[in-house]
C-alpha atoms as a PDB file:
ATOM      1  CA  MET A   1       0.032  -0.006  -0.009  1.00  0.00           C
ATOM      2  CA  ALA A   2       2.866   2.382   0.805  1.00  0.00           C
ATOM      3  CA  ALA A   3       4.213   1.957  -2.810  1.00  0.00           C
ATOM      4  CA  VAL A   4       0.797   3.010  -4.194  1.00  0.00           C
ATOM      5  CA  ASP A   5       0.642   5.988  -1.924  1.00  0.00           C
ATOM      6  CA  ASP A   6       4.272   7.055  -2.792  1.00  0.00           C
ATOM      7  CA  GLU A   7       3.349   6.785  -6.542  1.00  0.00           C
ATOM      8  CA  ALA A   8       0.196   8.839  -6.045  1.00  0.00           C
ATOM      9  CA  ILE A   9       2.166  11.537  -4.312  1.00  0.00           C
ATOM     10  CA  ARG A  10       4.711  11.647  -7.134  1.00  0.00           C
ATOM     11  CA  VAL A  11       1.995  11.837  -9.779  1.00  0.00           C
ATOM     12  CA  GLN A  12       0.136  14.592  -7.915  1.00  0.00           C
ATOM     13  CA  ALA A  13       3.349  16.568  -7.697  1.00  0.00           C
ATOM     14  CA  ILE A  14       3.825  16.258 -11.511  1.00  0.00           C
ATOM     15  CA  LEU A  15       0.258  17.294 -12.164  1.00  0.00           C
ATOM     16  CA  LYS A  16       0.404  20.313  -9.850  1.00  0.00           C
ATOM     17  CA  ASP A  17       3.609  21.474 -11.560  1.00  0.00           C
ATOM     18  CA  LEU A  18       1.989  21.127 -14.998  1.00  0.00           C
ATOM     19  CA  ILE A  19      -1.065  23.118 -13.823  1.00  0.00           C
ATOM     20  CA  ARG A  20       1.224  25.964 -12.622  1.00  0.00           C
ATOM     21  CA  THR A  21       3.247  26.027 -15.850  1.00  0.00           C
ATOM     22  CA  PRO A  22       2.322  28.795 -18.386  1.00  0.00           C
ATOM     23  CA  SER A  23       1.521  27.392 -21.732  1.00  0.00           C
ATOM     24  CA  PRO A  24       0.254  30.063 -24.151  1.00  0.00           C
ATOM     25  CA  SER A  25      -1.022  28.684 -27.467  1.00  0.00           C
ATOM     26  CA  GLY A  26       1.783  28.419 -30.015  1.00  0.00           C
ATOM     27  CA  ALA A  27       4.475  28.752 -27.371  1.00  0.00           C
ATOM     28  CA  GLU A  28       4.078  25.539 -25.364  1.00  0.00           C
ATOM     29  CA  GLY A  29       7.831  24.965 -25.636  1.00  0.00           C
ATOM     30  CA  THR A  30      10.062  22.190 -26.868  1.00  0.00           C
ATOM     31  CA  ALA A  31      11.164  18.887 -25.432  1.00  0.00           C
ATOM     32  CA  GLY A  32      14.630  20.259 -25.071  1.00  0.00           C
ATOM     33  CA  ASN A  33      13.453  23.016 -22.764  1.00  0.00           C
ATOM     34  CA  ALA A  34      12.872  21.219 -19.424  1.00  0.00           C
ATOM     35  CA  GLY A  35      11.042  24.220 -17.903  1.00  0.00           C
ATOM     36  CA  SER A  36       8.402  24.396 -20.700  1.00  0.00           C
ATOM     37  CA  MET A  37       5.107  22.556 -20.689  1.00  0.00           C
ATOM     38  CA  VAL A  38       6.288  20.287 -23.580  1.00  0.00           C
ATOM     39  CA  GLY A  39       9.625  19.624 -21.799  1.00  0.00           C
ATOM     40  CA  LYS A  40       7.795  18.589 -18.620  1.00  0.00           C
ATOM     41  CA  VAL A  41       5.291  16.392 -20.440  1.00  0.00           C
ATOM     42  CA  HIS A  42       8.093  14.796 -22.423  1.00  0.00           C
ATOM     43  CA  ALA A  43      10.090  14.127 -19.230  1.00  0.00           C
ATOM     44  CA  ALA A  44       6.999  12.642 -17.458  1.00  0.00           C
ATOM     45  CA  ALA A  45       6.129  10.461 -20.476  1.00  0.00           C
ATOM     46  CA  SER A  46       9.689   9.204 -20.644  1.00  0.00           C
ATOM     47  CA  LEU A  47       9.334   7.731 -17.115  1.00  0.00           C
ATOM     48  CA  HIS A  48       7.006   5.063 -18.528  1.00  0.00           C
ATOM     49  CA  GLY A  49       9.754   3.180 -20.364  1.00  0.00           C
ATOM     50  CA  THR A  50       7.998   3.695 -23.690  1.00  0.00           C
ATOM     51  CA  ALA A  51       9.190   5.338 -26.917  1.00  0.00           C
ATOM     52  CA  VAL A  52       8.705   9.137 -26.618  1.00  0.00           C
ATOM     53  CA  THR A  53       9.457  11.712 -29.296  1.00  0.00           C
ATOM     54  CA  SER A  54       8.332  15.159 -30.274  1.00  0.00           C
ATOM     55  CA  GLN A  55       7.068  16.819 -33.440  1.00  0.00           C
ATOM     56  CA  ALA A  56       7.587  20.424 -34.305  1.00  0.00           C
ATOM     57  CA  VAL A  57       4.371  22.314 -34.918  1.00  0.00           C
ATOM     58  CA  GLY A  58       5.879  25.834 -34.810  1.00  0.00           C
ATOM     59  CA  PRO A  59       9.134  27.572 -33.860  1.00  0.00           C
ATOM     60  CA  THR A  60       8.284  27.485 -30.178  1.00  0.00           C
ATOM     61  CA  SER A  61       5.882  24.555 -29.959  1.00  0.00           C
ATOM     62  CA  GLU A  62       6.049  20.827 -30.253  1.00  0.00           C
ATOM     63  CA  ASN A  63       3.659  17.901 -29.764  1.00  0.00           C
ATOM     64  CA  VAL A  64       4.811  15.059 -27.495  1.00  0.00           C
ATOM     65  CA  ILE A  65       4.269  11.597 -28.982  1.00  0.00           C
ATOM     66  CA  GLU A  66       4.393   8.492 -26.742  1.00  0.00           C
ATOM     67  CA  VAL A  67       4.157   5.073 -28.438  1.00  0.00           C
ATOM     68  CA  LEU A  68       2.631   2.294 -26.395  1.00  0.00           C
ATOM     69  CA  ASP A  69       3.255  -1.219 -27.601  1.00  0.00           C
ATOM     70  CA  GLY A  70       0.103  -3.198 -28.136  1.00  0.00           C
ATOM     71  CA  VAL A  71      -0.582  -6.850 -28.469  1.00  0.00           C
ATOM     72  CA  GLU A  72      -1.562  -6.690 -32.145  1.00  0.00           C
ATOM     73  CA  ARG A  73      -0.056  -3.377 -33.283  1.00  0.00           C
ATOM     74  CA  ASP A  74       1.397  -0.165 -31.851  1.00  0.00           C
ATOM     75  CA  LEU A  75      -0.844   2.509 -30.424  1.00  0.00           C
ATOM     76  CA  ILE A  76       0.140   6.158 -30.746  1.00  0.00           C
ATOM     77  CA  ILE A  77      -1.354   8.708 -28.331  1.00  0.00           C
ATOM     78  CA  MET A  78      -0.991  12.392 -29.170  1.00  0.00           C
ATOM     79  CA  GLY A  79      -2.171  15.143 -26.959  1.00  0.00           C
ATOM     80  CA  ARG A  80      -2.579  18.815 -27.703  1.00  0.00           C
ATOM     81  CA  ARG A  81      -4.527  21.454 -25.832  1.00  0.00           C
ATOM     82  CA  VAL A  82      -6.944  23.187 -28.219  1.00  0.00           C
ATOM     83  CA  GLY A  83      -8.588  25.750 -25.972  1.00  0.00           C
ATOM     84  CA  SER A  84     -10.525  26.286 -22.778  1.00  0.00           C
ATOM     85  CA  GLY A  85     -13.922  26.494 -24.401  1.00  0.00           C
ATOM     86  CA  GLY A  86     -15.453  28.854 -21.956  1.00  0.00           C
END
């Protein structure tokens, strides 16, 4: 149980840090910039032991791509914030 609690605390710390990180549209940062939103997401995804890469979408913005191996084929999950909608 302690291991689960420790993992939850670690994950909560990552999420709190992401929430506090400025991420203006078109300037989310790059994987090479550890202090940017993209840098932090890339680092967190890399902890999973999966293949993680990034794709440039602008001069100051990249998408993070994490490839999860599947039983029958690979699954690629891409995430990008599109707006707050409200």
